[in-house]
Amino acid sequence: MDPPSKILLTTSRDPTPRIRAFCHDLAEVMPNVAYVNRGKMSNDEVAEKALEQDADRVVIVDRWQGGPGVLRLFKVGESGLVSTPPVIRVAGMKLQRDLGASRVKPASSIIAAKHNKSDDSGRLGNALSDFFGISMLETKDMITTGSTVLSISSNKPGKIVMTFMKEPNHREVGPHILISRVEW
């Protein structure tokens, strides 16, 4: 079996320190995700950088009101970056340091768990599972694996929460992401 391909994670131009910290946290809990400072790179240069890193997908974290506001997913094609749905609008987030999760060991494996397959959180879970190339399990089927679990659930109408948990002790390690809207 071929090893999973890498995913390049970067920001929009002129990110805040909080956005950089968010990207570092995300790269730490997601195997095969490499964070690269964007600097003044254009989208074409980001695509070239992805190819240099053997990455066939890119996640760009856009800024909104000083924090991470939008997560955009792309595939790297012959013509550069090709947008892939969904576009994820972030309402808020907590970093690892905000959750008191210091010294989190980088994840060697990850699984995704969706709590309700009939709402938007289930659809988002399936899309992220496909994009990141991670296994999707129903929560009732989850077993202690020693890996990181990406949990996607609805907390109230119109809001979705993404959390990262370390197994076997089911400890939230962050980032904790509150999603206001998912655009398909």
N, C-alpha and C. Protein backbone atom coordinates (compact mmCIF):
# COMPACT_ATOMS: atom_id res chain seq x y z
N MET A 1 0.84 -1.18 0.00
CA MET A 1 0.00 0.00 0.00
C MET A 1 0.89 1.24 0.00
N ASP A 2 0.55 2.21 -0.84
CA ASP A 2 1.33 3.44 -0.92
C ASP A 2 1.13 4.26 0.35
N PRO A 3 2.19 4.96 0.81
CA PRO A 3 2.00 5.84 1.96
C PRO A 3 1.07 6.98 1.59
N PRO A 4 0.30 7.48 2.56
CA PRO A 4 -0.60 8.59 2.24
C PRO A 4 0.19 9.81 1.80
N SER A 5 -0.36 10.53 0.82
CA SER A 5 0.33 11.72 0.34
C SER A 5 0.20 12.85 1.36
N LYS A 6 1.10 13.79 1.26
CA LYS A 6 1.12 14.91 2.18
C LYS A 6 0.08 15.96 1.79
N ILE A 7 -0.25 16.76 2.79
CA ILE A 7 -1.13 17.90 2.60
C ILE A 7 -0.37 19.12 3.09
N LEU A 8 -0.33 20.15 2.28
CA LEU A 8 0.34 21.39 2.65
C LEU A 8 -0.67 22.30 3.34
N LEU A 9 -0.30 22.84 4.48
CA LEU A 9 -1.12 23.76 5.24
C LEU A 9 -0.42 25.10 5.26
N THR A 10 -1.12 26.15 4.89
CA THR A 10 -0.55 27.49 4.91
C THR A 10 -1.66 28.50 5.22
N THR A 11 -1.30 29.76 5.21
CA THR A 11 -2.24 30.82 5.57
C THR A 11 -2.47 31.75 4.38
N SER A 12 -3.43 32.64 4.54
CA SER A 12 -3.52 33.75 3.60
C SER A 12 -2.36 34.68 3.93
N ARG A 13 -2.17 35.69 3.14
CA ARG A 13 -1.06 36.61 3.40
C ARG A 13 -1.31 37.41 4.67
N ASP A 14 -0.23 37.80 5.31
CA ASP A 14 -0.25 38.62 6.53
C ASP A 14 -1.06 37.98 7.66
N PRO A 15 -0.71 36.75 8.05
CA PRO A 15 -1.45 36.11 9.14
C PRO A 15 -1.08 36.70 10.50
N THR A 16 -1.96 36.56 11.45
CA THR A 16 -1.69 36.99 12.82
C THR A 16 -0.93 35.87 13.54
N PRO A 17 -0.31 36.18 14.67
CA PRO A 17 0.35 35.12 15.44
C PRO A 17 -0.63 34.01 15.86
N ARG A 18 -1.87 34.36 16.12
CA ARG A 18 -2.86 33.35 16.52
C ARG A 18 -3.16 32.40 15.35
N ILE A 19 -3.20 32.91 14.14
CA ILE A 19 -3.43 32.05 12.97
C ILE A 19 -2.24 31.11 12.78
N ARG A 20 -1.04 31.63 12.96
CA ARG A 20 0.15 30.77 12.85
C ARG A 20 0.12 29.67 13.91
N ALA A 21 -0.25 30.04 15.13
CA ALA A 21 -0.33 29.04 16.22
C ALA A 21 -1.40 27.99 15.90
N PHE A 22 -2.52 28.43 15.34
CA PHE A 22 -3.58 27.51 14.94
C PHE A 22 -3.05 26.51 13.90
N CYS A 23 -2.31 27.00 12.93
CA CYS A 23 -1.74 26.12 11.90
C CYS A 23 -0.74 25.14 12.49
N HIS A 24 0.09 25.61 13.41
CA HIS A 24 1.04 24.71 14.08
C HIS A 24 0.29 23.61 14.84
N ASP A 25 -0.76 24.00 15.57
CA ASP A 25 -1.56 23.01 16.31
C ASP A 25 -2.18 22.00 15.38
N LEU A 26 -2.76 22.48 14.28
CA LEU A 26 -3.42 21.59 13.33
C LEU A 26 -2.42 20.62 12.69
N ALA A 27 -1.25 21.11 12.33
CA ALA A 27 -0.22 20.25 11.74
C ALA A 27 0.28 19.22 12.74
N GLU A 28 0.23 19.55 14.03
CA GLU A 28 0.71 18.63 15.05
C GLU A 28 -0.24 17.46 15.26
N VAL A 29 -1.54 17.70 15.13
CA VAL A 29 -2.51 16.62 15.40
C VAL A 29 -2.93 15.87 14.14
N MET A 30 -2.56 16.37 12.98
CA MET A 30 -2.93 15.72 11.72
C MET A 30 -1.68 15.13 11.06
N PRO A 31 -1.58 13.80 11.01
CA PRO A 31 -0.42 13.21 10.33
C PRO A 31 -0.44 13.58 8.84
N ASN A 32 0.71 13.65 8.26
CA ASN A 32 0.89 13.94 6.83
C ASN A 32 0.48 15.35 6.44
N VAL A 33 0.35 16.25 7.42
CA VAL A 33 0.07 17.66 7.14
C VAL A 33 1.33 18.45 7.49
N ALA A 34 1.84 19.19 6.52
CA ALA A 34 3.04 19.99 6.71
C ALA A 34 2.68 21.47 6.63
N TYR A 35 3.02 22.22 7.68
CA TYR A 35 2.75 23.66 7.70
C TYR A 35 3.92 24.40 7.08
N VAL A 36 3.62 25.33 6.19
CA VAL A 36 4.63 26.15 5.52
C VAL A 36 4.20 27.62 5.65
N ASN A 37 5.15 28.46 6.10
CA ASN A 37 4.87 29.90 6.13
C ASN A 37 4.66 30.38 4.70
N ARG A 38 3.60 31.13 4.48
CA ARG A 38 3.29 31.57 3.12
C ARG A 38 4.15 32.72 2.65
N GLY A 39 4.39 33.68 3.51
CA GLY A 39 5.15 34.86 3.08
C GLY A 39 4.42 35.58 1.97
N LYS A 40 5.12 35.87 0.88
CA LYS A 40 4.52 36.60 -0.24
C LYS A 40 4.18 35.69 -1.41
N MET A 41 4.10 34.37 -1.15
CA MET A 41 3.81 33.44 -2.24
C MET A 41 2.43 33.66 -2.82
N SER A 42 2.35 33.63 -4.15
CA SER A 42 1.05 33.66 -4.83
C SER A 42 0.45 32.26 -4.75
N ASN A 43 -0.79 32.12 -5.18
CA ASN A 43 -1.42 30.80 -5.19
C ASN A 43 -0.64 29.83 -6.09
N ASP A 44 -0.12 30.31 -7.22
CA ASP A 44 0.67 29.45 -8.10
C ASP A 44 1.95 29.00 -7.40
N GLU A 45 2.56 29.88 -6.65
CA GLU A 45 3.77 29.52 -5.90
C GLU A 45 3.45 28.55 -4.77
N VAL A 46 2.28 28.69 -4.16
CA VAL A 46 1.84 27.73 -3.13
C VAL A 46 1.68 26.35 -3.77
N ALA A 47 1.10 26.29 -4.97
CA ALA A 47 0.95 25.02 -5.68
C ALA A 47 2.32 24.41 -5.99
N GLU A 48 3.27 25.24 -6.41
CA GLU A 48 4.63 24.76 -6.68
C GLU A 48 5.29 24.23 -5.41
N LYS A 49 5.10 24.94 -4.30
CA LYS A 49 5.65 24.52 -3.01
C LYS A 49 5.04 23.19 -2.59
N ALA A 50 3.75 23.02 -2.83
CA ALA A 50 3.09 21.75 -2.51
C ALA A 50 3.72 20.61 -3.29
N LEU A 51 3.95 20.83 -4.57
CA LEU A 51 4.56 19.80 -5.39
C LEU A 51 5.99 19.48 -4.91
N GLU A 52 6.74 20.50 -4.50
CA GLU A 52 8.08 20.29 -3.96
C GLU A 52 8.04 19.42 -2.71
N GLN A 53 6.97 19.57 -1.93
CA GLN A 53 6.81 18.83 -0.67
C GLN A 53 6.11 17.48 -0.89
N ASP A 54 5.87 17.11 -2.15
CA ASP A 54 5.13 15.88 -2.49
C ASP A 54 3.71 15.90 -1.93
N ALA A 55 3.11 17.08 -1.89
CA ALA A 55 1.73 17.23 -1.41
C ALA A 55 0.81 17.39 -2.62
N ASP A 56 -0.33 16.71 -2.59
CA ASP A 56 -1.28 16.85 -3.70
C ASP A 56 -2.53 17.62 -3.29
N ARG A 57 -2.57 18.06 -2.02
CA ARG A 57 -3.68 18.86 -1.52
C ARG A 57 -3.15 20.00 -0.66
N VAL A 58 -3.92 21.08 -0.59
CA VAL A 58 -3.52 22.27 0.16
C VAL A 58 -4.71 22.76 0.98
N VAL A 59 -4.43 23.19 2.20
CA VAL A 59 -5.42 23.87 3.04
C VAL A 59 -4.89 25.27 3.30
N ILE A 60 -5.70 26.28 2.99
CA ILE A 60 -5.33 27.67 3.26
C ILE A 60 -6.26 28.21 4.34
N VAL A 61 -5.67 28.75 5.40
CA VAL A 61 -6.42 29.35 6.50
C VAL A 61 -6.46 30.85 6.24
N ASP A 62 -7.64 31.36 5.93
CA ASP A 62 -7.82 32.79 5.67
C ASP A 62 -8.12 33.53 6.96
N ARG A 63 -7.72 34.79 6.97
CA ARG A 63 -7.90 35.66 8.13
C ARG A 63 -9.27 36.33 8.09
N TRP A 64 -9.89 36.44 9.27
CA TRP A 64 -11.13 37.19 9.40
C TRP A 64 -11.15 37.78 10.79
N GLN A 65 -11.19 39.10 10.89
CA GLN A 65 -11.21 39.84 12.14
C GLN A 65 -10.11 39.39 13.09
N GLY A 66 -8.91 39.19 12.55
CA GLY A 66 -7.75 38.89 13.36
C GLY A 66 -7.53 37.43 13.70
N GLY A 67 -8.45 36.58 13.34
CA GLY A 67 -8.30 35.16 13.65
C GLY A 67 -8.59 34.31 12.44
N PRO A 68 -8.48 32.99 12.60
CA PRO A 68 -8.82 32.10 11.49
C PRO A 68 -10.30 32.24 11.17
N GLY A 69 -10.62 32.60 9.94
CA GLY A 69 -12.01 32.83 9.58
C GLY A 69 -12.55 31.85 8.57
N VAL A 70 -11.69 31.36 7.69
CA VAL A 70 -12.15 30.46 6.63
C VAL A 70 -11.07 29.41 6.38
N LEU A 71 -11.50 28.16 6.27
CA LEU A 71 -10.61 27.08 5.84
C LEU A 71 -11.00 26.72 4.43
N ARG A 72 -10.04 26.88 3.50
CA ARG A 72 -10.29 26.56 2.09
C ARG A 72 -9.46 25.34 1.71
N LEU A 73 -10.11 24.41 1.02
CA LEU A 73 -9.46 23.17 0.61
C LEU A 73 -9.20 23.21 -0.89
N PHE A 74 -8.01 22.72 -1.28
CA PHE A 74 -7.62 22.71 -2.69
C PHE A 74 -6.95 21.40 -3.03
N LYS A 75 -7.09 21.00 -4.28
CA LYS A 75 -6.28 19.94 -4.85
C LYS A 75 -5.28 20.61 -5.77
N VAL A 76 -4.11 20.02 -5.88
CA VAL A 76 -3.08 20.59 -6.74
C VAL A 76 -3.24 19.93 -8.11
N GLY A 77 -3.58 20.74 -9.11
CA GLY A 77 -3.76 20.25 -10.47
C GLY A 77 -2.67 20.78 -11.38
N GLU A 78 -2.76 20.41 -12.62
CA GLU A 78 -1.77 20.88 -13.60
C GLU A 78 -1.81 22.39 -13.76
N SER A 79 -2.99 22.98 -13.55
CA SER A 79 -3.12 24.43 -13.71
C SER A 79 -2.99 25.18 -12.39
N GLY A 80 -2.54 24.50 -11.33
CA GLY A 80 -2.38 25.16 -10.04
C GLY A 80 -3.37 24.62 -9.02
N LEU A 81 -3.82 25.51 -8.14
CA LEU A 81 -4.75 25.10 -7.08
C LEU A 81 -6.17 25.06 -7.62
N VAL A 82 -6.86 23.96 -7.33
CA VAL A 82 -8.25 23.78 -7.75
C VAL A 82 -9.09 23.68 -6.48
N SER A 83 -10.00 24.61 -6.29
CA SER A 83 -10.84 24.64 -5.10
C SER A 83 -11.69 23.38 -5.00
N THR A 84 -11.78 22.85 -3.78
CA THR A 84 -12.55 21.65 -3.50
C THR A 84 -13.54 21.96 -2.38
N PRO A 85 -14.82 21.66 -2.57
CA PRO A 85 -15.76 21.92 -1.48
C PRO A 85 -15.49 20.97 -0.32
N PRO A 86 -15.82 21.38 0.87
CA PRO A 86 -16.53 22.59 1.25
C PRO A 86 -15.57 23.72 1.64
N VAL A 87 -16.14 24.93 1.73
CA VAL A 87 -15.46 26.07 2.34
C VAL A 87 -16.01 26.15 3.76
N ILE A 88 -15.12 26.17 4.73
CA ILE A 88 -15.52 26.10 6.14
C ILE A 88 -15.34 27.46 6.79
N ARG A 89 -16.44 28.04 7.26
CA ARG A 89 -16.42 29.35 7.95
C ARG A 89 -16.28 29.11 9.45
N VAL A 90 -15.22 29.66 10.01
CA VAL A 90 -14.90 29.46 11.42
C VAL A 90 -15.48 30.60 12.25
N ALA A 91 -16.25 30.24 13.29
CA ALA A 91 -16.83 31.24 14.18
C ALA A 91 -15.91 31.50 15.37
N GLY A 92 -15.13 30.52 15.74
CA GLY A 92 -14.21 30.66 16.87
C GLY A 92 -13.38 29.41 17.02
N MET A 93 -12.33 29.53 17.81
CA MET A 93 -11.49 28.36 18.04
C MET A 93 -10.68 28.55 19.31
N LYS A 94 -10.25 27.42 19.84
CA LYS A 94 -9.34 27.40 20.98
C LYS A 94 -8.10 26.65 20.56
N LEU A 95 -6.96 27.22 20.89
CA LEU A 95 -5.68 26.59 20.59
C LEU A 95 -5.36 25.55 21.65
N GLN A 96 -4.32 24.77 21.40
CA GLN A 96 -3.88 23.79 22.38
C GLN A 96 -3.55 24.48 23.70
N ARG A 97 -2.87 25.62 23.64
CA ARG A 97 -2.50 26.32 24.88
C ARG A 97 -3.72 26.82 25.64
N ASP A 98 -4.81 27.18 24.92
CA ASP A 98 -6.04 27.62 25.56
C ASP A 98 -6.71 26.48 26.32
N LEU A 99 -6.50 25.26 25.84
CA LEU A 99 -7.10 24.08 26.46
C LEU A 99 -6.21 23.46 27.52
N GLY A 100 -5.02 24.03 27.72
CA GLY A 100 -4.08 23.48 28.69
C GLY A 100 -3.41 22.20 28.22
N ALA A 101 -3.39 21.99 26.92
CA ALA A 101 -2.81 20.77 26.35
C ALA A 101 -1.39 21.07 25.87
N SER A 102 -0.47 21.14 26.81
CA SER A 102 0.90 21.43 26.42
C SER A 102 1.64 20.13 26.11
N ARG A 103 2.67 20.26 25.31
CA ARG A 103 3.53 19.13 24.95
C ARG A 103 2.75 17.97 24.34
N VAL A 104 1.92 18.28 23.40
CA VAL A 104 1.17 17.24 22.69
C VAL A 104 2.12 16.58 21.70
N LYS A 105 2.21 15.25 21.78
CA LYS A 105 3.07 14.53 20.84
C LYS A 105 2.42 14.55 19.47
N PRO A 106 3.22 14.74 18.43
CA PRO A 106 2.65 14.71 17.08
C PRO A 106 1.92 13.38 16.83
N ALA A 107 0.81 13.47 16.15
CA ALA A 107 -0.01 12.29 15.90
C ALA A 107 0.66 11.40 14.86
N SER A 108 0.60 10.10 15.11
CA SER A 108 1.10 9.15 14.12
C SER A 108 -0.05 8.59 13.30
N SER A 109 -1.26 8.65 13.85
CA SER A 109 -2.43 8.21 13.10
C SER A 109 -3.65 8.98 13.60
N ILE A 110 -4.66 9.03 12.75
CA ILE A 110 -5.88 9.75 13.11
C ILE A 110 -7.07 9.02 12.51
N ILE A 111 -8.17 9.05 13.26
CA ILE A 111 -9.45 8.55 12.76
C ILE A 111 -10.47 9.65 12.98
N ALA A 112 -11.54 9.63 12.24
CA ALA A 112 -12.59 10.64 12.38
C ALA A 112 -13.84 9.96 12.92
N ALA A 113 -14.56 10.69 13.76
CA ALA A 113 -15.81 10.18 14.32
C ALA A 113 -16.89 11.22 14.09
N LYS A 114 -17.98 10.79 13.50
CA LYS A 114 -19.12 11.70 13.34
C LYS A 114 -20.22 11.21 14.27
N HIS A 115 -20.92 12.15 14.85
CA HIS A 115 -21.93 11.80 15.84
C HIS A 115 -23.33 11.75 15.27
N ASN A 116 -23.57 12.40 14.14
CA ASN A 116 -24.90 12.38 13.54
C ASN A 116 -24.72 12.43 12.03
N LYS A 117 -24.97 11.30 11.40
CA LYS A 117 -24.71 11.25 9.97
C LYS A 117 -25.79 11.90 9.12
N SER A 118 -26.89 12.34 9.74
CA SER A 118 -27.99 12.89 8.96
C SER A 118 -27.98 14.42 8.85
N ASP A 119 -27.08 15.10 9.55
CA ASP A 119 -27.05 16.56 9.45
C ASP A 119 -25.78 17.03 8.76
N ASP A 120 -25.57 18.35 8.77
CA ASP A 120 -24.39 18.92 8.11
C ASP A 120 -23.08 18.42 8.70
N SER A 121 -23.08 18.10 10.00
CA SER A 121 -21.83 17.61 10.60
C SER A 121 -21.44 16.27 9.99
N GLY A 122 -22.41 15.42 9.68
CA GLY A 122 -22.12 14.14 9.03
C GLY A 122 -21.58 14.34 7.62
N ARG A 123 -22.19 15.27 6.89
CA ARG A 123 -21.72 15.57 5.53
C ARG A 123 -20.31 16.15 5.57
N LEU A 124 -20.06 17.05 6.52
CA LEU A 124 -18.73 17.63 6.67
C LEU A 124 -17.73 16.55 7.06
N GLY A 125 -18.11 15.67 7.97
CA GLY A 125 -17.24 14.57 8.38
C GLY A 125 -16.83 13.71 7.20
N ASN A 126 -17.78 13.37 6.34
CA ASN A 126 -17.47 12.57 5.16
C ASN A 126 -16.52 13.31 4.22
N ALA A 127 -16.78 14.62 4.01
CA ALA A 127 -15.94 15.41 3.10
C ALA A 127 -14.51 15.52 3.64
N LEU A 128 -14.36 15.77 4.94
CA LEU A 128 -13.02 15.89 5.52
C LEU A 128 -12.31 14.55 5.56
N SER A 129 -13.07 13.50 5.81
CA SER A 129 -12.48 12.15 5.78
C SER A 129 -11.90 11.85 4.40
N ASP A 130 -12.66 12.17 3.36
CA ASP A 130 -12.18 11.97 1.99
C ASP A 130 -10.97 12.85 1.68
N PHE A 131 -11.06 14.14 2.04
CA PHE A 131 -9.99 15.08 1.70
C PHE A 131 -8.68 14.72 2.41
N PHE A 132 -8.76 14.45 3.71
CA PHE A 132 -7.55 14.17 4.49
C PHE A 132 -7.13 12.70 4.42
N GLY A 133 -7.97 11.86 3.82
CA GLY A 133 -7.63 10.45 3.68
C GLY A 133 -7.59 9.71 5.00
N ILE A 134 -8.58 10.00 5.86
CA ILE A 134 -8.63 9.34 7.17
C ILE A 134 -9.90 8.50 7.28
N SER A 135 -9.81 7.47 8.08
CA SER A 135 -10.95 6.56 8.27
C SER A 135 -12.04 7.24 9.07
N MET A 136 -13.29 6.97 8.70
CA MET A 136 -14.45 7.52 9.41
C MET A 136 -15.12 6.39 10.16
N LEU A 137 -15.27 6.57 11.46
CA LEU A 137 -15.96 5.59 12.29
C LEU A 137 -17.18 6.21 12.92
N GLU A 138 -18.20 5.41 13.12
CA GLU A 138 -19.35 5.86 13.91
C GLU A 138 -18.90 5.84 15.37
N THR A 139 -19.42 6.74 16.21
CA THR A 139 -18.96 6.82 17.59
C THR A 139 -19.20 5.51 18.34
N LYS A 140 -20.27 4.81 18.05
CA LYS A 140 -20.53 3.56 18.76
C LYS A 140 -19.50 2.49 18.40
N ASP A 141 -18.82 2.65 17.27
CA ASP A 141 -17.83 1.68 16.84
C ASP A 141 -16.42 2.05 17.28
N MET A 142 -16.27 3.23 17.92
CA MET A 142 -14.93 3.66 18.29
C MET A 142 -14.36 2.74 19.36
N ILE A 143 -13.10 2.43 19.20
CA ILE A 143 -12.40 1.64 20.19
C ILE A 143 -11.15 2.39 20.59
N THR A 144 -10.56 1.99 21.68
CA THR A 144 -9.33 2.62 22.12
C THR A 144 -8.23 2.24 21.14
N THR A 145 -7.67 3.22 20.46
CA THR A 145 -6.71 2.92 19.42
C THR A 145 -5.32 3.50 19.68
N GLY A 146 -5.21 4.44 20.61
CA GLY A 146 -3.92 5.10 20.81
C GLY A 146 -3.66 6.20 19.80
N SER A 147 -4.64 6.49 18.96
CA SER A 147 -4.46 7.52 17.94
C SER A 147 -5.20 8.79 18.34
N THR A 148 -5.16 9.75 17.46
CA THR A 148 -5.93 10.98 17.65
C THR A 148 -7.28 10.78 16.97
N VAL A 149 -8.34 11.29 17.61
CA VAL A 149 -9.67 11.19 17.06
C VAL A 149 -10.16 12.59 16.72
N LEU A 150 -10.53 12.81 15.47
CA LEU A 150 -11.17 14.04 15.04
C LEU A 150 -12.67 13.83 15.20
N SER A 151 -13.27 14.57 16.12
CA SER A 151 -14.70 14.43 16.40
C SER A 151 -15.44 15.61 15.78
N ILE A 152 -16.50 15.30 15.03
CA ILE A 152 -17.30 16.32 14.36
C ILE A 152 -18.74 16.15 14.80
N SER A 153 -19.30 17.19 15.42
CA SER A 153 -20.67 17.09 15.93
C SER A 153 -21.38 18.43 15.87
N SER A 154 -22.70 18.39 15.96
CA SER A 154 -23.50 19.61 16.02
C SER A 154 -23.73 19.92 17.49
N ASN A 155 -23.49 21.18 17.89
CA ASN A 155 -23.73 21.51 19.28
C ASN A 155 -25.02 22.30 19.47
N LYS A 156 -25.47 22.97 18.45
CA LYS A 156 -26.75 23.68 18.45
C LYS A 156 -27.10 23.94 17.01
N PRO A 157 -28.33 24.29 16.71
CA PRO A 157 -28.71 24.49 15.31
C PRO A 157 -27.79 25.46 14.58
N GLY A 158 -27.27 24.99 13.46
CA GLY A 158 -26.43 25.83 12.62
C GLY A 158 -24.96 25.87 13.00
N LYS A 159 -24.56 25.24 14.10
CA LYS A 159 -23.16 25.26 14.53
C LYS A 159 -22.60 23.84 14.56
N ILE A 160 -21.37 23.71 14.11
CA ILE A 160 -20.68 22.43 14.13
C ILE A 160 -19.39 22.61 14.92
N VAL A 161 -19.03 21.61 15.69
CA VAL A 161 -17.81 21.65 16.48
C VAL A 161 -16.88 20.55 16.02
N MET A 162 -15.62 20.92 15.77
CA MET A 162 -14.57 19.95 15.46
C MET A 162 -13.59 19.96 16.62
N THR A 163 -13.34 18.79 17.20
CA THR A 163 -12.39 18.68 18.28
C THR A 163 -11.41 17.54 17.99
N PHE A 164 -10.25 17.63 18.59
CA PHE A 164 -9.23 16.60 18.45
C PHE A 164 -8.98 16.00 19.82
N MET A 165 -9.15 14.67 19.93
CA MET A 165 -9.02 13.96 21.20
C MET A 165 -7.89 12.95 21.10
N LYS A 166 -7.13 12.80 22.17
CA LYS A 166 -6.09 11.77 22.25
C LYS A 166 -6.67 10.57 22.97
N GLU A 167 -6.49 9.41 22.36
CA GLU A 167 -6.93 8.16 22.97
C GLU A 167 -5.70 7.49 23.58
N PRO A 168 -5.81 6.70 24.59
CA PRO A 168 -7.00 6.06 25.12
C PRO A 168 -7.72 6.85 26.21
N ASN A 169 -7.14 7.96 26.71
CA ASN A 169 -7.78 8.67 27.83
C ASN A 169 -8.81 9.71 27.39
N HIS A 170 -9.08 9.83 26.10
CA HIS A 170 -10.12 10.71 25.55
C HIS A 170 -9.95 12.15 26.05
N ARG A 171 -8.72 12.67 25.94
CA ARG A 171 -8.38 14.01 26.39
C ARG A 171 -8.36 14.95 25.19
N GLU A 172 -9.09 16.07 25.29
CA GLU A 172 -9.09 17.04 24.20
C GLU A 172 -7.75 17.76 24.17
N VAL A 173 -7.11 17.75 22.98
CA VAL A 173 -5.80 18.37 22.83
C VAL A 173 -5.82 19.57 21.90
N GLY A 174 -6.93 19.81 21.23
CA GLY A 174 -7.04 20.97 20.37
C GLY A 174 -6.36 20.79 19.04
N PRO A 175 -6.61 21.69 18.13
CA PRO A 175 -7.49 22.84 18.33
C PRO A 175 -8.96 22.45 18.37
N HIS A 176 -9.73 23.30 19.02
CA HIS A 176 -11.19 23.16 19.14
C HIS A 176 -11.78 24.22 18.20
N ILE A 177 -12.53 23.79 17.20
CA ILE A 177 -12.98 24.70 16.15
C ILE A 177 -14.51 24.76 16.13
N LEU A 178 -15.06 25.96 16.27
CA LEU A 178 -16.50 26.18 16.15
C LEU A 178 -16.77 26.69 14.75
N ILE A 179 -17.61 25.98 14.02
CA ILE A 179 -17.89 26.31 12.62
C ILE A 179 -19.26 26.95 12.53
N SER A 180 -19.31 28.13 11.90
CA SER A 180 -20.58 28.83 11.76
C SER A 180 -21.33 28.43 10.50
N ARG A 181 -20.59 28.08 9.44
CA ARG A 181 -21.25 27.76 8.18
C ARG A 181 -20.33 26.90 7.32
N VAL A 182 -20.94 26.00 6.59
CA VAL A 182 -20.21 25.17 5.64
C VAL A 182 -20.83 25.44 4.26
N GLU A 183 -20.00 25.87 3.32
CA GLU A 183 -20.50 26.20 1.99
C GLU A 183 -20.12 25.10 1.01
N TRP A 184 -21.11 24.53 0.36
CA TRP A 184 -20.89 23.44 -0.56
C TRP A 184 -20.88 23.96 -1.97
